[in-house]
Amino acid sequence: MPFGTGRSMIDFTSKKKNIFVYDADIYIILKDWLELLHSDLSLKLSQILNETKKIHPELYNFLESRGFSKDWEKFLRTANQLSSLTTRERTGLMHSKLLS
């Protein structure tokens, strides 16, 4: 699945330039993982990681290589209360780790 607008899409459709495309399955994997994170704010890290492996082993490997476990634990420690973790905060943490 191509990603882009404007000039990059014109280049892609005219085959003037090779562009990277994403397998559409990546969006299903990401959706499943975000649903996991949003499903239960009391999930322990081990539960998140075990479920992540079930969603896709390479997602688990990627998150581990980016230090997700350490950062998730740190994030939880600095939160005032577990119930104060909002969807927005969880999503922000995930984005910061994926994009850094």
C-alpha atoms as a PDB file:
ATOM      1  CA  MET A   1       0.000   0.000   0.000  1.00  0.00           C
ATOM      2  CA  PRO A   2       1.584   3.300  -1.040  1.00  0.00           C
ATOM      3  CA  PHE A   3       1.683   6.110   1.438  1.00  0.00           C
ATOM      4  CA  GLY A   4       1.857   9.694   0.366  1.00  0.00           C
ATOM      5  CA  THR A   5       0.094  12.464  -1.431  1.00  0.00           C
ATOM      6  CA  GLY A   6       0.733  14.814  -4.251  1.00  0.00           C
ATOM      7  CA  ARG A   7       4.007  14.400  -6.076  1.00  0.00           C
ATOM      8  CA  SER A   8       4.953  11.020  -4.552  1.00  0.00           C
ATOM      9  CA  MET A   9       1.619   9.502  -5.618  1.00  0.00           C
ATOM     10  CA  ILE A  10       2.010  10.871  -9.152  1.00  0.00           C
ATOM     11  CA  ASP A  11       5.495   9.364  -9.327  1.00  0.00           C
ATOM     12  CA  PHE A  12       4.171   6.066  -8.003  1.00  0.00           C
ATOM     13  CA  THR A  13       1.288   5.799 -10.447  1.00  0.00           C
ATOM     14  CA  SER A  14       3.431   6.830 -13.427  1.00  0.00           C
ATOM     15  CA  LYS A  15       6.235   4.463 -12.361  1.00  0.00           C
ATOM     16  CA  LYS A  16       8.746   7.311 -12.710  1.00  0.00           C
ATOM     17  CA  LYS A  17      10.273   6.559  -9.372  1.00  0.00           C
ATOM     18  CA  ASN A  18      10.545   3.607  -7.017  1.00  0.00           C
ATOM     19  CA  ILE A  19       8.839   4.328  -3.749  1.00  0.00           C
ATOM     20  CA  PHE A  20       8.488   2.263  -0.633  1.00  0.00           C
ATOM     21  CA  VAL A  21       5.141   0.666  -0.003  1.00  0.00           C
ATOM     22  CA  TYR A  22       3.706  -0.815   3.167  1.00  0.00           C
ATOM     23  CA  ASP A  23       2.034  -4.181   3.312  1.00  0.00           C
ATOM     24  CA  ALA A  24      -1.615  -3.544   4.154  1.00  0.00           C
ATOM     25  CA  ASP A  25      -1.356  -6.146   6.943  1.00  0.00           C
ATOM     26  CA  ILE A  26       0.740  -3.681   8.945  1.00  0.00           C
ATOM     27  CA  TYR A  27      -2.377  -1.617   9.565  1.00  0.00           C
ATOM     28  CA  ILE A  28      -4.214  -4.645  10.942  1.00  0.00           C
ATOM     29  CA  ILE A  29      -1.259  -5.433  13.216  1.00  0.00           C
ATOM     30  CA  LEU A  30      -1.125  -1.836  14.431  1.00  0.00           C
ATOM     31  CA  LYS A  31      -4.905  -1.779  14.992  1.00  0.00           C
ATOM     32  CA  ASP A  32      -4.737  -4.990  17.024  1.00  0.00           C
ATOM     33  CA  TRP A  33      -1.866  -3.668  19.131  1.00  0.00           C
ATOM     34  CA  LEU A  34      -3.565  -0.349  19.801  1.00  0.00           C
ATOM     35  CA  GLU A  35      -6.726  -2.200  20.793  1.00  0.00           C
ATOM     36  CA  LEU A  36      -4.620  -4.258  23.212  1.00  0.00           C
ATOM     37  CA  LEU A  37      -3.122  -1.139  24.800  1.00  0.00           C
ATOM     38  CA  HIS A  38      -6.522   0.479  25.100  1.00  0.00           C
ATOM     39  CA  SER A  39      -8.315  -2.641  26.321  1.00  0.00           C
ATOM     40  CA  ASP A  40      -7.282  -2.753  29.958  1.00  0.00           C
ATOM     41  CA  LEU A  41      -5.231  -0.155  31.776  1.00  0.00           C
ATOM     42  CA  SER A  42      -4.295  -2.665  34.462  1.00  0.00           C
ATOM     43  CA  LEU A  43      -2.461  -5.034  32.104  1.00  0.00           C
ATOM     44  CA  LYS A  44       0.988  -5.913  33.364  1.00  0.00           C
ATOM     45  CA  LEU A  45       3.969  -5.495  31.062  1.00  0.00           C
ATOM     46  CA  SER A  46       4.367  -9.274  30.766  1.00  0.00           C
ATOM     47  CA  GLN A  47       0.746  -9.543  29.603  1.00  0.00           C
ATOM     48  CA  ILE A  48       1.214  -6.777  27.049  1.00  0.00           C
ATOM     49  CA  LEU A  49       4.356  -8.420  25.698  1.00  0.00           C
ATOM     50  CA  ASN A  50       2.803 -11.894  25.564  1.00  0.00           C
ATOM     51  CA  GLU A  51      -0.216 -10.571  23.695  1.00  0.00           C
ATOM     52  CA  THR A  52       2.055  -8.543  21.417  1.00  0.00           C
ATOM     53  CA  LYS A  53       3.888 -11.742  20.430  1.00  0.00           C
ATOM     54  CA  LYS A  54       0.527 -13.273  19.519  1.00  0.00           C
ATOM     55  CA  ILE A  55      -0.365 -10.286  17.359  1.00  0.00           C
ATOM     56  CA  HIS A  56       2.943 -10.559  15.484  1.00  0.00           C
ATOM     57  CA  PRO A  57       6.367 -11.766  16.631  1.00  0.00           C
ATOM     58  CA  GLU A  58       8.195  -9.062  14.685  1.00  0.00           C
ATOM     59  CA  LEU A  59       6.156  -6.361  16.418  1.00  0.00           C
ATOM     60  CA  TYR A  60       7.370  -7.786  19.713  1.00  0.00           C
ATOM     61  CA  ASN A  61      10.986  -7.856  18.450  1.00  0.00           C
ATOM     62  CA  PHE A  62      10.706  -4.281  17.204  1.00  0.00           C
ATOM     63  CA  LEU A  63       9.314  -2.990  20.494  1.00  0.00           C
ATOM     64  CA  GLU A  64      11.975  -4.791  22.494  1.00  0.00           C
ATOM     65  CA  SER A  65      14.724  -3.388  20.252  1.00  0.00           C
ATOM     66  CA  ARG A  66      13.341   0.116  20.872  1.00  0.00           C
ATOM     67  CA  GLY A  67      13.352  -0.298  24.672  1.00  0.00           C
ATOM     68  CA  PHE A  68       9.586  -0.458  25.084  1.00  0.00           C
ATOM     69  CA  SER A  69       9.758  -2.599  28.247  1.00  0.00           C
ATOM     70  CA  LYS A  70      12.026  -0.188  30.101  1.00  0.00           C
ATOM     71  CA  ASP A  71      10.118   2.866  28.926  1.00  0.00           C
ATOM     72  CA  TRP A  72       6.708   1.366  29.714  1.00  0.00           C
ATOM     73  CA  GLU A  73       7.766   0.565  33.278  1.00  0.00           C
ATOM     74  CA  LYS A  74       9.199   4.072  33.676  1.00  0.00           C
ATOM     75  CA  PHE A  75       6.024   5.576  32.281  1.00  0.00           C
ATOM     76  CA  LEU A  76       3.887   3.618  34.741  1.00  0.00           C
ATOM     77  CA  ARG A  77       6.102   4.599  37.683  1.00  0.00           C
ATOM     78  CA  THR A  78       5.795   8.288  36.867  1.00  0.00           C
ATOM     79  CA  ALA A  79       2.024   8.234  36.425  1.00  0.00           C
ATOM     80  CA  ASN A  80       0.143   9.510  39.462  1.00  0.00           C
ATOM     81  CA  GLN A  81      -2.297   6.626  39.413  1.00  0.00           C
ATOM     82  CA  LEU A  82      -2.859   3.754  37.025  1.00  0.00           C
ATOM     83  CA  SER A  83      -6.365   5.043  36.414  1.00  0.00           C
ATOM     84  CA  SER A  84      -4.944   8.377  35.268  1.00  0.00           C
ATOM     85  CA  LEU A  85      -3.403   6.791  32.168  1.00  0.00           C
ATOM     86  CA  THR A  86      -5.586   7.901  29.334  1.00  0.00           C
ATOM     87  CA  THR A  87      -5.804   6.561  25.826  1.00  0.00           C
ATOM     88  CA  ARG A  88      -4.064   9.729  24.698  1.00  0.00           C
ATOM     89  CA  GLU A  89      -1.108   9.155  27.041  1.00  0.00           C
ATOM     90  CA  ARG A  90      -0.734   5.505  25.990  1.00  0.00           C
ATOM     91  CA  THR A  91      -0.908   6.492  22.336  1.00  0.00           C
ATOM     92  CA  GLY A  92       1.617   9.287  22.897  1.00  0.00           C
ATOM     93  CA  LEU A  93       4.077   6.874  24.483  1.00  0.00           C
ATOM     94  CA  MET A  94       3.667   4.405  21.648  1.00  0.00           C
ATOM     95  CA  HIS A  95       4.207   7.106  19.019  1.00  0.00           C
ATOM     96  CA  SER A  96       7.261   8.506  20.771  1.00  0.00           C
ATOM     97  CA  LYS A  97       8.889   5.070  20.858  1.00  0.00           C
ATOM     98  CA  LEU A  98       8.050   4.196  17.266  1.00  0.00           C
ATOM     99  CA  LEU A  99       9.215   7.501  15.871  1.00  0.00           C
ATOM    100  CA  SER A 100      12.382   7.988  17.908  1.00  0.00           C
END
